Amino acid sequence: CNTDELIYSNMMQIEAITSLLVKKGIITKDELQTEYKEFMKKAKRNS
């Protein structure tokens, strides 16, 4: 596997997991978006 394949594979796994969480009603798309934005803010502060 090359790096691009690994990145793509990880991205697809994340998409599948988040889709399943939303389908099962564990999280909403809005909650996911909010959490992502907060995570990105924290990551920027720590870099």
PDB file of N, CA and C in Angstrom:
ATOM      1  N   CYS A   1       0.842  -1.199   0.000  1.00  0.00           N
ATOM      2  CA  CYS A   1       0.000   0.000   0.000  1.00  0.00           C
ATOM      3  C   CYS A   1       0.874   1.245   0.000  1.00  0.00           C
ATOM      4  N   ASN A   2       0.483   2.202  -0.804  1.00  0.00           N
ATOM      5  CA  ASN A   2       1.204   3.460  -0.743  1.00  0.00           C
ATOM      6  C   ASN A   2       0.475   4.422   0.192  1.00  0.00           C
ATOM      7  N   THR A   3       1.074   5.563   0.422  1.00  0.00           N
ATOM      8  CA  THR A   3       0.525   6.524   1.371  1.00  0.00           C
ATOM      9  C   THR A   3      -0.868   6.991   0.967  1.00  0.00           C
ATOM     10  N   ASP A   4      -1.068   7.281  -0.308  1.00  0.00           N
ATOM     11  CA  ASP A   4      -2.385   7.735  -0.767  1.00  0.00           C
ATOM     12  C   ASP A   4      -3.461   6.686  -0.517  1.00  0.00           C
ATOM     13  N   GLU A   5      -3.132   5.423  -0.730  1.00  0.00           N
ATOM     14  CA  GLU A   5      -4.102   4.352  -0.485  1.00  0.00           C
ATOM     15  C   GLU A   5      -4.451   4.256   0.993  1.00  0.00           C
ATOM     16  N   LEU A   6      -3.460   4.421   1.851  1.00  0.00           N
ATOM     17  CA  LEU A   6      -3.710   4.376   3.293  1.00  0.00           C
ATOM     18  C   LEU A   6      -4.577   5.547   3.738  1.00  0.00           C
ATOM     19  N   ILE A   7      -4.284   6.725   3.209  1.00  0.00           N
ATOM     20  CA  ILE A   7      -5.080   7.906   3.544  1.00  0.00           C
ATOM     21  C   ILE A   7      -6.525   7.705   3.099  1.00  0.00           C
ATOM     22  N   TYR A   8      -6.706   7.233   1.875  1.00  0.00           N
ATOM     23  CA  TYR A   8      -8.052   7.002   1.344  1.00  0.00           C
ATOM     24  C   TYR A   8      -8.791   5.948   2.166  1.00  0.00           C
ATOM     25  N   SER A   9      -8.110   4.881   2.517  1.00  0.00           N
ATOM     26  CA  SER A   9      -8.712   3.821   3.315  1.00  0.00           C
ATOM     27  C   SER A   9      -9.157   4.345   4.679  1.00  0.00           C
ATOM     28  N   ASN A  10      -8.302   5.124   5.332  1.00  0.00           N
ATOM     29  CA  ASN A  10      -8.655   5.709   6.628  1.00  0.00           C
ATOM     30  C   ASN A  10      -9.856   6.636   6.502  1.00  0.00           C
ATOM     31  N   MET A  11      -9.871   7.451   5.445  1.00  0.00           N
ATOM     32  CA  MET A  11     -10.974   8.378   5.224  1.00  0.00           C
ATOM     33  C   MET A  11     -12.289   7.618   5.046  1.00  0.00           C
ATOM     34  N   MET A  12     -12.264   6.550   4.269  1.00  0.00           N
ATOM     35  CA  MET A  12     -13.480   5.777   4.024  1.00  0.00           C
ATOM     36  C   MET A  12     -13.961   5.071   5.290  1.00  0.00           C
ATOM     37  N   GLN A  13     -13.034   4.598   6.106  1.00  0.00           N
ATOM     38  CA  GLN A  13     -13.409   3.967   7.372  1.00  0.00           C
ATOM     39  C   GLN A  13     -14.072   4.983   8.295  1.00  0.00           C
ATOM     40  N   ILE A  14     -13.526   6.185   8.358  1.00  0.00           N
ATOM     41  CA  ILE A  14     -14.114   7.241   9.188  1.00  0.00           C
ATOM     42  C   ILE A  14     -15.510   7.585   8.688  1.00  0.00           C
ATOM     43  N   GLU A  15     -15.674   7.695   7.373  1.00  0.00           N
ATOM     44  CA  GLU A  15     -16.992   7.973   6.791  1.00  0.00           C
ATOM     45  C   GLU A  15     -17.990   6.879   7.155  1.00  0.00           C
ATOM     46  N   ALA A  16     -17.569   5.632   7.065  1.00  0.00           N
ATOM     47  CA  ALA A  16     -18.458   4.512   7.383  1.00  0.00           C
ATOM     48  C   ALA A  16     -18.857   4.526   8.854  1.00  0.00           C
ATOM     49  N   ILE A  17     -17.910   4.762   9.727  1.00  0.00           N
ATOM     50  CA  ILE A  17     -18.192   4.789  11.169  1.00  0.00           C
ATOM     51  C   ILE A  17     -19.138   5.932  11.508  1.00  0.00           C
ATOM     52  N   THR A  18     -18.860   7.127  10.997  1.00  0.00           N
ATOM     53  CA  THR A  18     -19.722   8.265  11.314  1.00  0.00           C
ATOM     54  C   THR A  18     -21.118   8.075  10.725  1.00  0.00           C
ATOM     55  N   SER A  19     -21.206   7.511   9.546  1.00  0.00           N
ATOM     56  CA  SER A  19     -22.509   7.233   8.940  1.00  0.00           C
ATOM     57  C   SER A  19     -23.304   6.264   9.806  1.00  0.00           C
ATOM     58  N   LEU A  20     -22.659   5.238  10.302  1.00  0.00           N
ATOM     59  CA  LEU A  20     -23.319   4.260  11.159  1.00  0.00           C
ATOM     60  C   LEU A  20     -23.789   4.895  12.468  1.00  0.00           C
ATOM     61  N   LEU A  21     -22.965   5.740  13.064  1.00  0.00           N
ATOM     62  CA  LEU A  21     -23.353   6.419  14.305  1.00  0.00           C
ATOM     63  C   LEU A  21     -24.586   7.292  14.089  1.00  0.00           C
ATOM     64  N   VAL A  22     -24.635   7.989  12.963  1.00  0.00           N
ATOM     65  CA  VAL A  22     -25.793   8.829  12.648  1.00  0.00           C
ATOM     66  C   VAL A  22     -27.022   7.959  12.389  1.00  0.00           C
ATOM     67  N   LYS A  23     -26.877   6.894  11.609  1.00  0.00           N
ATOM     68  CA  LYS A  23     -28.010   6.005  11.309  1.00  0.00           C
ATOM     69  C   LYS A  23     -28.604   5.392  12.566  1.00  0.00           C
ATOM     70  N   LYS A  24     -27.747   5.058  13.525  1.00  0.00           N
ATOM     71  CA  LYS A  24     -28.216   4.434  14.763  1.00  0.00           C
ATOM     72  C   LYS A  24     -28.751   5.462  15.758  1.00  0.00           C
ATOM     73  N   GLY A  25     -28.637   6.747  15.419  1.00  0.00           N
ATOM     74  CA  GLY A  25     -29.155   7.794  16.298  1.00  0.00           C
ATOM     75  C   GLY A  25     -28.262   8.086  17.481  1.00  0.00           C
ATOM     76  N   ILE A  26     -27.025   7.662  17.425  1.00  0.00           N
ATOM     77  CA  ILE A  26     -26.087   7.893  18.524  1.00  0.00           C
ATOM     78  C   ILE A  26     -25.615   9.345  18.507  1.00  0.00           C
ATOM     79  N   ILE A  27     -25.402   9.871  17.312  1.00  0.00           N
ATOM     80  CA  ILE A  27     -25.061  11.281  17.143  1.00  0.00           C
ATOM     81  C   ILE A  27     -25.871  11.824  15.968  1.00  0.00           C
ATOM     82  N   THR A  28     -25.955  13.160  15.900  1.00  0.00           N
ATOM     83  CA  THR A  28     -26.589  13.795  14.746  1.00  0.00           C
ATOM     84  C   THR A  28     -25.499  14.375  13.856  1.00  0.00           C
ATOM     85  N   LYS A  29     -25.878  14.704  12.634  1.00  0.00           N
ATOM     86  CA  LYS A  29     -24.912  15.330  11.729  1.00  0.00           C
ATOM     87  C   LYS A  29     -24.453  16.671  12.288  1.00  0.00           C
ATOM     88  N   ASP A  30     -25.361  17.407  12.926  1.00  0.00           N
ATOM     89  CA  ASP A  30     -24.992  18.691  13.530  1.00  0.00           C
ATOM     90  C   ASP A  30     -23.982  18.504  14.652  1.00  0.00           C
ATOM     91  N   GLU A  31     -24.195  17.498  15.497  1.00  0.00           N
ATOM     92  CA  GLU A  31     -23.241  17.217  16.574  1.00  0.00           C
ATOM     93  C   GLU A  31     -21.878  16.851  16.011  1.00  0.00           C
ATOM     94  N   LEU A  32     -21.871  16.070  14.963  1.00  0.00           N
ATOM     95  CA  LEU A  32     -20.623  15.679  14.322  1.00  0.00           C
ATOM     96  C   LEU A  32     -19.890  16.899  13.789  1.00  0.00           C
ATOM     97  N   GLN A  33     -20.612  17.789  13.115  1.00  0.00           N
ATOM     98  CA  GLN A  33     -20.011  18.999  12.556  1.00  0.00           C
ATOM     99  C   GLN A  33     -19.463  19.895  13.662  1.00  0.00           C
ATOM    100  N   THR A  34     -20.221  20.062  14.735  1.00  0.00           N
ATOM    101  CA  THR A  34     -19.778  20.883  15.862  1.00  0.00           C
ATOM    102  C   THR A  34     -18.519  20.305  16.492  1.00  0.00           C
ATOM    103  N   GLU A  35     -18.514  19.012  16.707  1.00  0.00           N
ATOM    104  CA  GLU A  35     -17.349  18.351  17.310  1.00  0.00           C
ATOM    105  C   GLU A  35     -16.127  18.491  16.414  1.00  0.00           C
ATOM    106  N   TYR A  36     -16.323  18.336  15.114  1.00  0.00           N
ATOM    107  CA  TYR A  36     -15.223  18.475  14.160  1.00  0.00           C
ATOM    108  C   TYR A  36     -14.633  19.883  14.223  1.00  0.00           C
ATOM    109  N   LYS A  37     -15.496  20.890  14.235  1.00  0.00           N
ATOM    110  CA  LYS A  37     -15.020  22.277  14.292  1.00  0.00           C
ATOM    111  C   LYS A  37     -14.229  22.527  15.570  1.00  0.00           C
ATOM    112  N   GLU A  38     -14.728  22.040  16.697  1.00  0.00           N
ATOM    113  CA  GLU A  38     -14.019  22.203  17.972  1.00  0.00           C
ATOM    114  C   GLU A  38     -12.678  21.474  17.951  1.00  0.00           C
ATOM    115  N   PHE A  39     -12.672  20.282  17.405  1.00  0.00           N
ATOM    116  CA  PHE A  39     -11.438  19.501  17.309  1.00  0.00           C
ATOM    117  C   PHE A  39     -10.400  20.244  16.481  1.00  0.00           C
ATOM    118  N   MET A  40     -10.831  20.832  15.362  1.00  0.00           N
ATOM    119  CA  MET A  40      -9.909  21.561  14.495  1.00  0.00           C
ATOM    120  C   MET A  40      -9.365  22.811  15.186  1.00  0.00           C
ATOM    121  N   LYS A  41     -10.202  23.502  15.957  1.00  0.00           N
ATOM    122  CA  LYS A  41      -9.740  24.670  16.717  1.00  0.00           C
ATOM    123  C   LYS A  41      -8.655  24.264  17.708  1.00  0.00           C
ATOM    124  N   LYS A  42      -8.893  23.170  18.434  1.00  0.00           N
ATOM    125  CA  LYS A  42      -7.914  22.688  19.411  1.00  0.00           C
ATOM    126  C   LYS A  42      -6.623  22.269  18.726  1.00  0.00           C
ATOM    127  N   ALA A  43      -6.736  21.613  17.593  1.00  0.00           N
ATOM    128  CA  ALA A  43      -5.550  21.163  16.862  1.00  0.00           C
ATOM    129  C   ALA A  43      -4.717  22.355  16.400  1.00  0.00           C
ATOM    130  N   LYS A  44      -5.368  23.421  15.956  1.00  0.00           N
ATOM    131  CA  LYS A  44      -4.645  24.625  15.517  1.00  0.00           C
ATOM    132  C   LYS A  44      -3.915  25.273  16.680  1.00  0.00           C
ATOM    133  N   ARG A  45      -4.568  25.314  17.852  1.00  0.00           N
ATOM    134  CA  ARG A  45      -3.931  25.918  19.030  1.00  0.00           C
ATOM    135  C   ARG A  45      -2.712  25.116  19.477  1.00  0.00           C
ATOM    136  N   ASN A  46      -2.763  23.815  19.296  1.00  0.00           N
ATOM    137  CA  ASN A  46      -1.676  22.952  19.759  1.00  0.00           C
ATOM    138  C   ASN A  46      -0.554  22.790  18.745  1.00  0.00           C
ATOM    139  N   SER A  47      -0.698  23.395  17.581  1.00  0.00           N
ATOM    140  CA  SER A  47       0.363  23.232  16.571  1.00  0.00           C
ATOM    141  C   SER A  47       1.252  24.449  16.482  1.00  0.00           C
TER     142      SER A  47
END
